[in-house]
Amino acid sequence: MTSNEVARIDSAATKREMMRKGLPVDVYRAPTDTTLGGITSTHQRLTVIGVLFTNLATPTLGRIPQWCETDFTDEQPPVIVVIRQAFGAPYAFLEPIAFTPQGNADRRPGAMHGGNYAGTSYGMFREVLTELLGHPSIAVLPVHDRYEH
């Protein structure tokens, strides 16, 4: 994979019809639920449908063509990889995403890590994350699906 392949993220792809396909990931759950009813407390799999770059001047949600394998469903709800700066370095986590009745992507504010993780052994997931973050990444990410309000 080259940097040019990752750079072809479609920043206009925020509509439900453009973001319907993604990469299935497995949920790794702690014995005790600390998500306050987050999606990882009830689902075994999630579908990563895109990446949100919050470290840009304008936050940009885009899709990764290499990850467009299967449609998300009620049994495998959509999540996005959120990339933000933490302690001077890019940091990635998964966060649930919803869609408005008009089909626009909608993030619920206030997400925090609820104690569970999700990932896949599919090498392209780790390779793309490594390229986007600029440093080696693992293929399991924390899921920020806990909301206190």
C-alpha atoms as a PDB file:
ATOM      1  CA  MET A   1       0.000   0.000   0.000  1.00  0.00           C
ATOM      2  CA  THR A   2       1.237   3.456  -0.851  1.00  0.00           C
ATOM      3  CA  SER A   3       0.456   6.835   0.625  1.00  0.00           C
ATOM      4  CA  ASN A   4      -1.395   7.719  -2.578  1.00  0.00           C
ATOM      5  CA  GLU A   5      -3.885   4.883  -2.039  1.00  0.00           C
ATOM      6  CA  VAL A   6      -4.763   6.124   1.438  1.00  0.00           C
ATOM      7  CA  ALA A   7      -4.938   9.747   0.236  1.00  0.00           C
ATOM      8  CA  ARG A   8      -7.861   8.880  -2.068  1.00  0.00           C
ATOM      9  CA  ILE A   9     -10.332   9.012   0.791  1.00  0.00           C
ATOM     10  CA  ASP A  10     -13.605  10.503  -0.419  1.00  0.00           C
ATOM     11  CA  SER A  11     -14.242  13.395   1.972  1.00  0.00           C
ATOM     12  CA  ALA A  12     -17.695  14.013   0.413  1.00  0.00           C
ATOM     13  CA  ALA A  13     -18.876  10.508   1.333  1.00  0.00           C
ATOM     14  CA  THR A  14     -20.933  11.373   4.376  1.00  0.00           C
ATOM     15  CA  LYS A  15     -24.331  10.215   3.126  1.00  0.00           C
ATOM     16  CA  ARG A  16     -25.716   6.867   4.239  1.00  0.00           C
ATOM     17  CA  GLU A  17     -25.796   5.526   0.673  1.00  0.00           C
ATOM     18  CA  MET A  18     -22.106   6.351   0.222  1.00  0.00           C
ATOM     19  CA  MET A  19     -21.068   4.862   3.589  1.00  0.00           C
ATOM     20  CA  ARG A  20     -23.155   1.653   3.638  1.00  0.00           C
ATOM     21  CA  LYS A  21     -20.263  -0.768   3.124  1.00  0.00           C
ATOM     22  CA  GLY A  22     -17.474  -1.394   5.557  1.00  0.00           C
ATOM     23  CA  LEU A  23     -15.154  -3.849   7.234  1.00  0.00           C
ATOM     24  CA  PRO A  24     -16.559  -6.199   9.895  1.00  0.00           C
ATOM     25  CA  VAL A  25     -14.666  -6.241  13.195  1.00  0.00           C
ATOM     26  CA  ASP A  26     -15.100  -8.456  16.247  1.00  0.00           C
ATOM     27  CA  VAL A  27     -15.901  -7.051  19.699  1.00  0.00           C
ATOM     28  CA  TYR A  28     -13.630  -8.008  22.595  1.00  0.00           C
ATOM     29  CA  ARG A  29     -15.642  -7.482  25.750  1.00  0.00           C
ATOM     30  CA  ALA A  30     -14.669  -7.154  29.389  1.00  0.00           C
ATOM     31  CA  PRO A  31     -16.451  -9.495  31.844  1.00  0.00           C
ATOM     32  CA  THR A  32     -18.301  -6.539  33.382  1.00  0.00           C
ATOM     33  CA  ASP A  33     -20.186  -4.018  31.235  1.00  0.00           C
ATOM     34  CA  THR A  34     -18.956  -0.490  31.889  1.00  0.00           C
ATOM     35  CA  THR A  35     -20.377   1.018  28.694  1.00  0.00           C
ATOM     36  CA  LEU A  36     -23.701   2.095  30.238  1.00  0.00           C
ATOM     37  CA  GLY A  37     -25.511   0.251  27.447  1.00  0.00           C
ATOM     38  CA  GLY A  38     -23.093   1.008  24.608  1.00  0.00           C
ATOM     39  CA  ILE A  39     -23.210  -0.973  21.364  1.00  0.00           C
ATOM     40  CA  THR A  40     -20.404  -3.280  22.466  1.00  0.00           C
ATOM     41  CA  SER A  41     -22.523  -4.461  25.385  1.00  0.00           C
ATOM     42  CA  THR A  42     -25.041  -6.035  22.987  1.00  0.00           C
ATOM     43  CA  HIS A  43     -23.224  -6.700  19.708  1.00  0.00           C
ATOM     44  CA  GLN A  44     -20.566  -9.287  18.821  1.00  0.00           C
ATOM     45  CA  ARG A  45     -19.515  -7.531  15.590  1.00  0.00           C
ATOM     46  CA  LEU A  46     -19.403  -3.973  14.272  1.00  0.00           C
ATOM     47  CA  THR A  47     -18.821  -2.586  10.774  1.00  0.00           C
ATOM     48  CA  VAL A  48     -16.121   0.077  10.260  1.00  0.00           C
ATOM     49  CA  ILE A  49     -17.517   2.322   7.517  1.00  0.00           C
ATOM     50  CA  GLY A  50     -15.044   5.190   7.495  1.00  0.00           C
ATOM     51  CA  VAL A  51     -12.517   7.441   9.172  1.00  0.00           C
ATOM     52  CA  LEU A  52     -13.087  10.816  10.806  1.00  0.00           C
ATOM     53  CA  PHE A  53     -10.044  13.082  10.845  1.00  0.00           C
ATOM     54  CA  THR A  54     -10.595  15.492  13.736  1.00  0.00           C
ATOM     55  CA  ASN A  55      -7.034  16.810  13.578  1.00  0.00           C
ATOM     56  CA  LEU A  56      -7.690  18.777  10.349  1.00  0.00           C
ATOM     57  CA  ALA A  57      -8.842  22.414  10.175  1.00  0.00           C
ATOM     58  CA  THR A  58     -12.261  21.064   9.159  1.00  0.00           C
ATOM     59  CA  PRO A  59     -13.104  17.599  10.543  1.00  0.00           C
ATOM     60  CA  THR A  60     -13.446  15.281   7.557  1.00  0.00           C
ATOM     61  CA  LEU A  61     -15.327  11.994   7.360  1.00  0.00           C
ATOM     62  CA  GLY A  62     -14.227   9.730   4.546  1.00  0.00           C
ATOM     63  CA  ARG A  63     -14.398   6.139   3.486  1.00  0.00           C
ATOM     64  CA  ILE A  64     -11.538   3.738   2.890  1.00  0.00           C
ATOM     65  CA  PRO A  65     -12.106   1.857  -0.393  1.00  0.00           C
ATOM     66  CA  GLN A  66     -10.029  -1.130   0.819  1.00  0.00           C
ATOM     67  CA  TRP A  67     -12.478  -1.636   3.700  1.00  0.00           C
ATOM     68  CA  CYS A  68     -15.714  -1.641   1.644  1.00  0.00           C
ATOM     69  CA  GLU A  69     -16.598  -5.333   1.944  1.00  0.00           C
ATOM     70  CA  THR A  70     -20.036  -5.772   3.522  1.00  0.00           C
ATOM     71  CA  ASP A  71     -23.130  -3.704   4.269  1.00  0.00           C
ATOM     72  CA  PHE A  72     -23.679  -2.724   7.885  1.00  0.00           C
ATOM     73  CA  THR A  73     -26.804  -4.169   9.500  1.00  0.00           C
ATOM     74  CA  ASP A  74     -28.675  -3.977  12.792  1.00  0.00           C
ATOM     75  CA  GLU A  75     -26.614  -6.993  13.904  1.00  0.00           C
ATOM     76  CA  GLN A  76     -23.338  -5.333  12.812  1.00  0.00           C
ATOM     77  CA  PRO A  77     -23.963  -1.592  13.364  1.00  0.00           C
ATOM     78  CA  PRO A  78     -21.726   1.081  11.841  1.00  0.00           C
ATOM     79  CA  VAL A  79     -18.748   2.620  13.594  1.00  0.00           C
ATOM     80  CA  ILE A  80     -16.029   4.955  12.385  1.00  0.00           C
ATOM     81  CA  VAL A  81     -12.353   5.239  13.186  1.00  0.00           C
ATOM     82  CA  VAL A  82     -11.771   8.625  14.805  1.00  0.00           C
ATOM     83  CA  ILE A  83      -8.250  10.009  14.484  1.00  0.00           C
ATOM     84  CA  ARG A  84      -7.292  12.830  16.792  1.00  0.00           C
ATOM     85  CA  GLN A  85      -4.192  14.264  18.416  1.00  0.00           C
ATOM     86  CA  ALA A  86      -3.357  13.066  21.924  1.00  0.00           C
ATOM     87  CA  PHE A  87      -0.131  14.091  23.648  1.00  0.00           C
ATOM     88  CA  GLY A  88       1.297  15.347  20.355  1.00  0.00           C
ATOM     89  CA  ALA A  89       0.712  12.164  18.350  1.00  0.00           C
ATOM     90  CA  PRO A  90      -2.209  10.817  16.311  1.00  0.00           C
ATOM     91  CA  TYR A  91      -4.447   8.428  18.229  1.00  0.00           C
ATOM     92  CA  ALA A  92      -7.221   6.202  16.820  1.00  0.00           C
ATOM     93  CA  PHE A  93     -10.368   4.731  18.361  1.00  0.00           C
ATOM     94  CA  LEU A  94     -13.745   3.434  17.167  1.00  0.00           C
ATOM     95  CA  GLU A  95     -16.986   5.338  17.756  1.00  0.00           C
ATOM     96  CA  PRO A  96     -20.609   4.578  16.832  1.00  0.00           C
ATOM     97  CA  ILE A  97     -22.103   6.624  13.979  1.00  0.00           C
ATOM     98  CA  ALA A  98     -25.758   7.161  13.159  1.00  0.00           C
ATOM     99  CA  PHE A  99     -27.549   8.684  10.206  1.00  0.00           C
ATOM    100  CA  THR A 100     -30.257  11.351  10.196  1.00  0.00           C
ATOM    101  CA  PRO A 101     -33.532  10.727   8.329  1.00  0.00           C
ATOM    102  CA  GLN A 102     -31.992  12.764   5.492  1.00  0.00           C
ATOM    103  CA  GLY A 103     -29.112  10.271   5.363  1.00  0.00           C
ATOM    104  CA  ASN A 104     -26.398  12.505   6.830  1.00  0.00           C
ATOM    105  CA  ALA A 105     -23.781  11.129   9.216  1.00  0.00           C
ATOM    106  CA  ASP A 106     -24.450  12.129  12.824  1.00  0.00           C
ATOM    107  CA  ARG A 107     -22.071  11.739  15.794  1.00  0.00           C
ATOM    108  CA  ARG A 108     -23.399  11.771  19.314  1.00  0.00           C
ATOM    109  CA  PRO A 109     -21.175  14.079  21.405  1.00  0.00           C
ATOM    110  CA  GLY A 110     -19.475  12.955  24.595  1.00  0.00           C
ATOM    111  CA  ALA A 111     -18.328   9.452  23.648  1.00  0.00           C
ATOM    112  CA  MET A 112     -15.704   7.881  25.901  1.00  0.00           C
ATOM    113  CA  HIS A 113     -14.030   4.497  26.172  1.00  0.00           C
ATOM    114  CA  GLY A 114     -16.411   2.032  27.795  1.00  0.00           C
ATOM    115  CA  GLY A 115     -13.819  -0.690  28.390  1.00  0.00           C
ATOM    116  CA  ASN A 116     -14.305  -2.818  25.257  1.00  0.00           C
ATOM    117  CA  TYR A 117     -12.262  -3.175  22.090  1.00  0.00           C
ATOM    118  CA  ALA A 118     -12.902  -4.233  18.510  1.00  0.00           C
ATOM    119  CA  GLY A 119     -10.627  -5.391  15.740  1.00  0.00           C
ATOM    120  CA  THR A 120      -9.854  -7.867  13.023  1.00  0.00           C
ATOM    121  CA  SER A 121      -7.034 -10.063  11.857  1.00  0.00           C
ATOM    122  CA  TYR A 122      -7.475  -8.670   8.323  1.00  0.00           C
ATOM    123  CA  GLY A 123      -4.076  -7.199   7.531  1.00  0.00           C
ATOM    124  CA  MET A 124      -5.418  -4.311   5.434  1.00  0.00           C
ATOM    125  CA  PHE A 125      -7.065  -2.816   8.546  1.00  0.00           C
ATOM    126  CA  ARG A 126      -3.740  -2.555  10.377  1.00  0.00           C
ATOM    127  CA  GLU A 127      -1.871  -1.427   7.240  1.00  0.00           C
ATOM    128  CA  VAL A 128      -4.277   1.432   6.523  1.00  0.00           C
ATOM    129  CA  LEU A 129      -4.269   2.526  10.187  1.00  0.00           C
ATOM    130  CA  THR A 130      -0.470   2.491  10.226  1.00  0.00           C
ATOM    131  CA  GLU A 131      -0.408   4.663   7.097  1.00  0.00           C
ATOM    132  CA  LEU A 132      -3.009   7.112   8.437  1.00  0.00           C
ATOM    133  CA  LEU A 133      -1.423   7.433  11.880  1.00  0.00           C
ATOM    134  CA  GLY A 134       2.149   7.662  10.632  1.00  0.00           C
ATOM    135  CA  HIS A 135       3.327   5.025  13.107  1.00  0.00           C
ATOM    136  CA  PRO A 136       2.796   1.261  13.561  1.00  0.00           C
ATOM    137  CA  SER A 137      -0.731   0.395  14.637  1.00  0.00           C
ATOM    138  CA  ILE A 138      -2.355  -2.670  16.065  1.00  0.00           C
ATOM    139  CA  ALA A 139      -5.522  -4.158  14.560  1.00  0.00           C
ATOM    140  CA  VAL A 140      -7.580  -3.795  17.758  1.00  0.00           C
ATOM    141  CA  LEU A 141      -8.863  -0.376  18.837  1.00  0.00           C
ATOM    142  CA  PRO A 142     -10.720   0.901  21.904  1.00  0.00           C
ATOM    143  CA  VAL A 143     -14.424   1.527  21.318  1.00  0.00           C
ATOM    144  CA  HIS A 144     -15.734   4.844  22.641  1.00  0.00           C
ATOM    145  CA  ASP A 145     -19.375   3.834  23.152  1.00  0.00           C
ATOM    146  CA  ARG A 146     -19.986   5.060  26.699  1.00  0.00           C
ATOM    147  CA  TYR A 147     -22.136   8.163  27.160  1.00  0.00           C
ATOM    148  CA  GLU A 148     -22.883   9.588  30.602  1.00  0.00           C
ATOM    149  CA  HIS A 149     -25.552  12.100  29.538  1.00  0.00           C
END
